[in-house]
Protein backbone atom coordinates (compact mmCIF):
# COMPACT_ATOMS: atom_id res chain seq x y z
CA MET A 1 -0.16 0.04 -0.18
CA ASN A 2 0.91 3.47 -0.83
CA PRO A 3 2.63 5.08 2.09
CA MET A 4 0.72 8.49 2.27
CA ILE A 5 -2.74 6.33 1.66
CA LEU A 6 -1.62 4.21 4.65
CA SER A 7 -0.58 7.17 6.93
CA LEU A 8 -4.25 8.85 5.91
CA PHE A 9 -6.09 5.65 6.82
CA ILE A 10 -4.05 5.42 10.09
CA SER A 11 -4.83 8.74 10.76
CA ALA A 12 -9.03 8.30 10.66
CA LEU A 13 -8.07 5.59 12.40
CA GLY A 14 -7.18 7.40 15.23
CA LEU A 15 -9.39 10.34 14.71
CA GLY A 16 -12.51 8.29 14.80
CA THR A 17 -11.43 6.78 18.01
CA THR A 18 -10.49 10.68 19.17
CA ILE A 19 -14.29 11.60 18.30
CA THR A 20 -15.74 8.84 20.10
CA LEU A 21 -13.16 9.35 23.29
CA SER A 22 -14.22 13.06 23.49
CA SER A 23 -18.24 13.25 22.35
CA TYR A 24 -20.73 13.63 25.25
CA HIS A 25 -23.93 13.43 22.13
CA TRP A 26 -24.52 10.08 20.86
CA VAL A 27 -24.64 10.94 17.19
CA LEU A 28 -20.89 12.25 17.39
CA ALA A 29 -20.15 8.80 19.20
CA TRP A 30 -21.96 7.23 16.75
CA MET A 31 -19.79 8.94 13.79
CA GLY A 32 -16.63 8.37 15.47
CA LEU A 33 -17.33 4.66 15.39
CA GLU A 34 -18.08 4.37 11.73
CA MET A 35 -14.80 6.82 10.99
CA ASN A 36 -13.10 3.76 13.08
CA THR A 37 -15.01 0.65 10.87
CA LEU A 38 -14.57 2.43 7.67
CA ALA A 39 -10.90 2.91 7.97
CA ILE A 40 -9.68 0.33 9.10
CA ILE A 41 -11.25 -1.47 6.73
CA PRO A 42 -8.53 -1.16 3.49
CA LEU A 43 -5.64 -2.20 6.34
CA MET A 44 -7.52 -5.43 6.40
CA ALA A 45 -8.12 -6.03 2.79
CA LYS A 46 -4.69 -5.12 1.79
CA LEU A 47 -3.28 -8.39 1.42
CA HIS A 48 -5.85 -9.11 -1.60
CA HIS A 49 -6.15 -12.61 -0.32
CA PRO A 50 -9.19 -14.67 -0.52
CA ARG A 51 -8.83 -15.26 3.24
CA ALA A 52 -8.56 -11.12 3.73
CA ILE A 53 -11.27 -10.45 1.80
CA GLU A 54 -13.46 -12.84 3.55
CA ALA A 55 -12.48 -11.62 7.22
CA THR A 56 -12.76 -8.20 5.91
CA THR A 57 -16.66 -8.98 5.07
CA LYS A 58 -17.12 -10.64 8.18
CA TYR A 59 -16.30 -7.52 10.26
CA PHE A 60 -17.96 -5.41 7.95
CA LEU A 61 -21.28 -7.10 8.81
CA THR A 62 -20.88 -7.42 11.96
CA GLN A 63 -19.96 -3.94 13.02
CA ALA A 64 -22.62 -2.52 10.37
CA ALA A 65 -24.97 -4.15 12.73
CA ALA A 66 -23.79 -3.36 15.61
CA SER A 67 -23.49 0.28 14.67
CA ALA A 68 -27.05 0.05 13.40
CA LEU A 69 -28.21 -1.22 16.30
CA ILE A 70 -26.38 1.46 18.56
CA LEU A 71 -28.16 4.08 16.38
CA PHE A 72 -31.52 2.67 17.04
CA SER A 73 -30.79 2.41 20.92
CA SER A 74 -29.79 6.11 21.16
CA LEU A 75 -32.90 7.43 19.01
CA THR A 76 -35.01 5.17 20.90
CA ASN A 77 -33.73 6.71 24.38
CA ALA A 78 -33.87 9.88 22.49
CA TRP A 79 -38.01 9.72 21.44
CA ILE A 80 -38.59 9.01 24.97
CA THR A 81 -36.32 11.20 27.19
CA GLY A 82 -35.78 13.90 24.89
CA GLU A 83 -31.86 13.82 25.77
CA TRP A 84 -28.97 13.13 23.32
CA ALA A 85 -26.44 12.85 26.15
CA ILE A 86 -24.81 9.69 26.46
CA THR A 87 -24.61 9.41 30.28
CA ASN A 88 -28.56 10.30 30.06
CA LEU A 89 -29.16 6.43 29.16
CA THR A 90 -32.37 5.77 31.11
CA ASN A 91 -34.30 3.64 28.77
CA THR A 92 -34.64 -0.48 29.26
CA LEU A 93 -34.90 -1.05 25.84
CA SER A 94 -32.08 1.19 25.09
CA ILE A 95 -30.47 -0.20 27.82
CA ILE A 96 -30.29 -3.47 26.60
CA SER A 97 -29.93 -2.92 22.65
CA ILE A 98 -26.60 -1.10 23.18
CA THR A 99 -25.63 -3.29 25.56
CA ILE A 100 -25.64 -6.06 23.28
CA ALA A 101 -24.50 -3.61 20.26
CA LEU A 102 -21.07 -2.22 21.92
CA SER A 103 -20.89 -6.69 22.95
CA MET A 104 -21.05 -7.48 19.90
CA LYS A 105 -18.57 -4.30 18.59
CA LEU A 106 -16.03 -5.61 21.27
CA GLY A 107 -16.31 -9.61 20.64
CA LEU A 108 -17.85 -10.56 24.19
CA ALA A 109 -19.57 -13.84 24.48
CA PRO A 110 -21.71 -14.93 22.85
CA PHE A 111 -21.56 -12.35 20.60
CA HIS A 112 -17.91 -13.18 19.58
CA PHE A 113 -18.14 -15.65 16.55
CA TRP A 114 -15.99 -13.34 14.75
CA LEU A 115 -13.63 -12.56 16.03
CA PRO A 116 -11.15 -15.58 16.09
CA GLU A 117 -12.39 -15.79 12.30
CA VAL A 118 -11.81 -12.47 11.28
CA ILE A 119 -8.19 -11.94 13.25
CA GLN A 120 -7.41 -15.08 11.62
CA GLY A 121 -7.57 -13.66 8.26
CA LEU A 122 -5.16 -10.73 8.80
CA ASP A 123 -1.96 -9.96 8.99
CA LEU A 124 -0.35 -9.66 12.36
CA MET A 125 -0.24 -5.49 12.19
CA THR A 126 -3.54 -5.44 11.01
CA GLY A 127 -4.47 -7.81 14.06
CA LEU A 128 -2.63 -6.16 16.34
CA ILE A 129 -4.59 -3.12 15.88
CA LEU A 130 -7.95 -5.03 15.52
CA SER A 131 -7.30 -6.48 19.48
CA THR A 132 -6.10 -3.44 20.57
CA TRP A 133 -6.90 0.19 19.12
CA GLN A 134 -10.56 -1.05 17.99
CA LYS A 135 -11.56 -1.88 21.76
CA LEU A 136 -11.01 1.44 22.83
CA ALA A 137 -13.68 3.37 21.64
CA PRO A 138 -16.90 0.84 22.76
CA MET A 139 -15.13 0.30 25.98
CA ALA A 140 -15.34 4.30 26.61
CA LEU A 141 -18.67 3.94 25.47
CA LEU A 142 -19.43 1.36 27.99
CA TYR A 143 -17.19 3.27 30.70
CA LEU A 144 -19.54 6.21 30.46
CA ILE A 145 -22.68 4.53 30.64
CA SER A 146 -21.57 1.89 33.16
CA PRO A 147 -23.82 3.74 36.05
CA ASN A 148 -27.24 3.15 33.95
CA LEU A 149 -25.97 -0.92 32.64
CA ASN A 150 -27.95 -3.83 33.76
CA PHE A 151 -25.29 -5.80 36.04
CA THR A 152 -27.10 -9.09 35.90
CA ILE A 153 -26.38 -9.04 31.40
CA LEU A 154 -23.01 -7.98 32.01
CA LEU A 155 -21.76 -10.59 34.57
CA THR A 156 -23.99 -13.21 32.62
CA LEU A 157 -21.65 -12.04 29.12
CA ALA A 158 -18.44 -11.65 31.24
CA ILE A 159 -18.88 -15.27 32.86
CA PHE A 160 -19.64 -16.89 29.36
CA SER A 161 -16.71 -14.48 27.97
CA THR A 162 -13.89 -16.04 30.22
CA LEU A 163 -15.30 -19.76 29.71
CA ILE A 164 -15.66 -19.43 26.16
CA GLY A 165 -12.44 -17.62 25.61
CA GLY A 166 -10.19 -20.16 28.25
CA TRP A 167 -11.93 -23.04 26.44
CA GLY A 168 -11.72 -22.09 22.65
CA GLY A 169 -8.64 -21.81 23.31
CA MET A 170 -7.08 -24.71 23.91
CA ASN A 171 -7.63 -27.17 20.87
CA GLN A 172 -5.80 -24.15 18.44
CA THR A 173 -3.06 -24.46 16.37
CA GLN A 174 -2.32 -21.20 15.00
CA LEU A 175 -1.39 -18.21 17.07
CA ARG A 176 -3.78 -15.24 15.77
CA LYS A 177 -6.80 -17.41 16.89
CA VAL A 178 -4.78 -18.17 20.50
CA LEU A 179 -4.83 -14.09 20.94
CA ALA A 180 -8.20 -14.00 20.05
CA TYR A 181 -9.53 -16.07 22.32
CA SER A 182 -7.23 -14.66 25.04
CA SER A 183 -8.90 -11.43 24.24
CA ILE A 184 -12.15 -12.93 24.48
CA ALA A 185 -11.35 -13.84 28.04
CA HIS A 186 -9.62 -10.90 28.99
CA LEU A 187 -13.14 -9.19 27.74
CA GLY A 188 -14.75 -10.83 30.25
CA TRP A 189 -12.63 -9.66 33.19
CA MET A 190 -12.85 -6.22 32.27
CA THR A 191 -16.89 -6.21 31.93
CA ILE A 192 -17.68 -8.62 35.35
CA ILE A 193 -16.04 -5.67 37.17
CA LEU A 194 -16.98 -2.32 35.16
CA ILE A 195 -19.78 -1.34 37.52
CA PRO A 196 -18.37 -2.54 40.79
CA SER A 197 -15.50 -0.83 40.23
CA PRO A 198 -14.70 1.00 36.59
CA GLN A 199 -11.15 1.87 37.14
CA LEU A 200 -10.30 -2.03 37.47
CA THR A 201 -11.72 -2.13 34.14
CA MET A 202 -9.33 0.39 32.58
CA LEU A 203 -6.50 -1.05 34.65
CA ASN A 204 -7.47 -4.31 32.88
CA LEU A 205 -7.55 -2.75 29.60
CA ILE A 206 -4.23 -0.96 29.92
CA ILE A 207 -2.33 -4.18 30.93
CA TYR A 208 -4.17 -6.35 28.38
CA ILE A 209 -3.31 -3.79 25.76
CA LEU A 210 0.23 -3.94 26.24
CA MET A 211 0.54 -7.36 27.04
CA THR A 212 -1.11 -8.27 23.57
CA SER A 213 1.28 -5.72 21.96
CA SER A 214 4.05 -7.84 22.91
CA MET A 215 3.00 -11.13 21.86
CA PHE A 216 1.82 -10.09 18.71
CA LEU A 217 5.31 -7.83 18.01
CA VAL A 218 7.09 -10.86 18.62
CA PHE A 219 5.21 -13.03 16.43
CA LYS A 220 5.64 -10.20 13.60
CA THR A 221 9.38 -10.50 14.79
CA TYR A 222 9.81 -14.11 13.93
CA SER A 223 7.41 -13.98 11.43
CA THR A 224 5.40 -16.97 12.72
CA THR A 225 1.72 -17.79 12.96
CA LYS A 226 1.74 -21.67 13.92
CA ILE A 227 2.46 -23.11 17.34
CA SER A 228 4.59 -25.32 15.66
CA SER A 229 6.74 -23.18 14.70
CA LEU A 230 7.87 -21.28 17.99
CA SER A 231 10.52 -23.99 18.84
CA LEU A 232 12.83 -22.83 16.11
CA TYR A 233 13.64 -19.00 17.45
CA TRP A 234 15.38 -20.03 20.23
CA THR A 235 18.61 -20.49 18.38
CA LYS A 236 17.66 -16.93 16.55
CA ALA A 237 16.75 -15.08 19.35
CA PRO A 238 17.37 -16.36 22.71
CA ALA A 239 16.70 -13.24 24.51
CA ILE A 240 13.16 -12.74 23.08
CA SER A 241 12.43 -16.26 23.20
CA THR A 242 12.76 -16.11 26.87
CA MET A 243 11.02 -12.83 27.94
CA THR A 244 8.10 -14.24 25.40
CA ILE A 245 7.92 -17.06 28.20
CA LEU A 246 7.21 -14.09 30.64
CA VAL A 247 4.98 -12.66 29.18
CA LEU A 248 2.87 -15.49 28.39
CA LEU A 249 2.80 -16.34 31.82
CA SER A 250 1.67 -12.56 31.99
CA LEU A 251 -1.24 -13.60 30.20
CA GLY A 252 -2.11 -15.79 32.13
CA GLY A 253 -2.04 -14.35 35.25
CA LEU A 254 0.72 -15.81 37.35
CA PRO A 255 2.65 -13.81 40.38
CA PRO A 256 4.69 -11.76 40.13
CA LEU A 257 3.91 -10.38 36.57
CA SER A 258 1.81 -6.89 35.38
CA GLY A 259 -1.14 -9.72 34.56
CA PHE A 260 -1.66 -11.01 37.77
CA LEU A 261 -1.96 -7.60 39.22
CA PRO A 262 -5.61 -6.86 37.64
CA LYS A 263 -6.95 -10.52 37.95
CA TRP A 264 -6.28 -10.27 41.69
CA MET A 265 -7.51 -6.69 42.04
CA ILE A 266 -10.75 -7.98 40.68
CA ILE A 267 -11.19 -10.70 42.68
CA GLN A 268 -10.17 -9.08 45.56
CA GLU A 269 -13.43 -6.69 44.59
CA LEU A 270 -16.16 -9.15 43.79
CA SER A 271 -15.24 -10.47 46.99
CA ASN A 272 -15.64 -7.44 48.93
CA GLN A 273 -18.98 -6.97 46.67
CA GLY A 274 -20.46 -10.63 48.26
CA LEU A 275 -19.97 -11.92 44.54
CA MET A 276 -18.45 -15.20 45.72
CA LEU A 277 -19.38 -17.05 42.93
CA PRO A 278 -19.09 -15.19 39.76
CA ALA A 279 -15.48 -14.61 41.46
CA THR A 280 -14.83 -18.34 41.55
CA ILE A 281 -16.43 -19.13 38.50
CA ILE A 282 -13.81 -16.62 36.75
CA ALA A 283 -10.72 -17.71 39.06
CA LEU A 284 -11.44 -20.98 37.69
CA SER A 285 -11.51 -19.99 33.95
CA ALA A 286 -8.16 -18.49 34.09
CA LEU A 287 -7.01 -21.71 35.00
CA LEU A 288 -8.29 -22.90 30.88
CA SER A 289 -6.88 -20.03 29.64
CA LEU A 290 -3.60 -20.60 31.38
CA PHE A 291 -3.31 -24.10 30.24
CA PHE A 292 -2.93 -22.66 26.38
CA TYR A 293 0.00 -20.26 27.24
CA LEU A 294 1.58 -23.19 29.04
CA ARG A 295 1.47 -24.66 26.35
CA LEU A 296 2.76 -21.75 24.07
CA SER A 297 5.59 -21.64 26.59
CA TYR A 298 6.11 -25.35 26.22
CA THR A 299 6.54 -25.10 22.44
CA SER A 300 8.63 -22.25 22.84
CA ILE A 301 11.34 -23.25 25.00
CA LEU A 302 11.23 -26.42 26.16
CA THR A 303 11.08 -28.24 23.07
CA ILE A 304 14.22 -27.05 21.80
CA PRO A 305 16.60 -28.90 19.82
CA PRO A 306 18.19 -31.65 19.98
CA ASN A 307 14.46 -33.09 20.61
CA THR A 308 12.44 -33.54 16.99
CA SER A 309 9.87 -30.64 15.56
CA ASN A 310 6.55 -30.40 13.89
CA SER A 311 7.83 -27.73 11.79
CA PRO A 312 10.60 -27.51 9.16
CA THR A 313 13.43 -25.55 9.48
CA LEU A 314 13.14 -22.01 8.17
CA TRP A 315 16.74 -20.32 6.68
CA ARG A 316 18.60 -18.86 9.70
CA SER A 317 17.88 -15.47 8.89
CA MET A 318 18.00 -12.68 11.59
CA SER A 319 15.38 -10.60 11.84
CA THR A 320 15.23 -6.88 10.95
CA GLN A 321 12.15 -5.49 12.59
CA PRO A 322 13.12 -2.69 14.81
CA LYS A 323 12.57 -3.86 18.55
CA MET A 324 12.24 -0.93 20.69
CA PHE A 325 8.54 -0.68 20.94
CA LEU A 326 8.90 -4.63 21.18
CA SER A 327 11.28 -3.92 24.53
CA THR A 328 9.39 -1.34 26.06
CA THR A 329 5.76 -3.15 26.09
CA ILE A 330 7.63 -6.48 27.20
CA ILE A 331 8.93 -4.50 30.00
CA ALA A 332 5.68 -2.98 30.76
CA SER A 333 4.05 -6.40 30.72
CA THR A 334 6.22 -8.36 33.18
CA CYS A 335 7.05 -5.25 35.50
CA PHE A 336 3.91 -3.12 36.81
CA LEU A 337 3.39 -5.08 39.87
CA PRO A 338 5.74 -3.17 42.02
CA ILE A 339 4.47 -0.13 41.21
CA SER A 340 0.31 -1.21 41.21
CA PRO A 341 0.08 1.11 44.55
CA MET A 342 1.31 4.30 42.01
CA ILE A 343 -0.89 2.84 39.57
CA MET A 344 -4.46 2.54 41.86
CA SER A 345 -3.69 5.84 43.28
CA ALA A 346 -3.48 7.29 39.83
CA LEU A 347 -6.75 5.54 38.54
CA ASN A 348 -8.72 6.65 41.43
């Protein structure tokens, strides 16, 4: 793609998200979401491959349906209450429909079916944008309307997401699908605490973006999309391979890594609210996610030569990808726990 055209689409992507984040009116927020969707579609289809075109079509249809539902919800609320403000969402029908629409945009279960298939059809950098940047605008809208949402519906969506995200990622051989199911599971953790403590949702979102960015950048550096190929890179980049294990364990929520911080605080907050059963369910569902993270870790570092590899050996050429941003995200993905008091005081 022409660099000027690419910069134009990326600028439009940032502008759409910025409009949604800074808007107080439902029509402006909807316009920002539409700009966001239309800007990323050419980036998704730039490979000119049937798989990429299929993923782009699925993404467009899903996002168009969700955007139409958002517009319908805001119109219904404005018709009944006479208000277009995002925070003045009081009509029950509008609350339920806007929750469904934003769940579709984010990929929360049971509206998650498009997410693994779409990410599987994209290149790694576009998958990174879809898994991180595209979550900001819908999550910001959920954050703004969280006092008006139905907690039972959010709790149900969150538990389904953590369970399906854990079960779905266990039987995958493609790294992009594993990260897609990981995204679904993490979105469940963010949603379950949205009403009791929105600050924890934002903390979880920030740490999730850092960890997911690290993994996509590592796979981009390796130029690999299959689990079986991970075992070939220990001899080419041992430092990155070692740090990859730490990021994977951080995604699984093991202490003392950064991913443990939001899970620990979310379970603590749910226990303080008396929600012992949901806290127990999502804690057990984290074991499902931890299983496939450990599987990736085993393939990455414990199947090195002279063991037999199931993947053909690639030419031993060093990667020329820039590693400064990768190093920054890896450090942030593993070292946030010691500064957690400062982070929580900043969020509060």
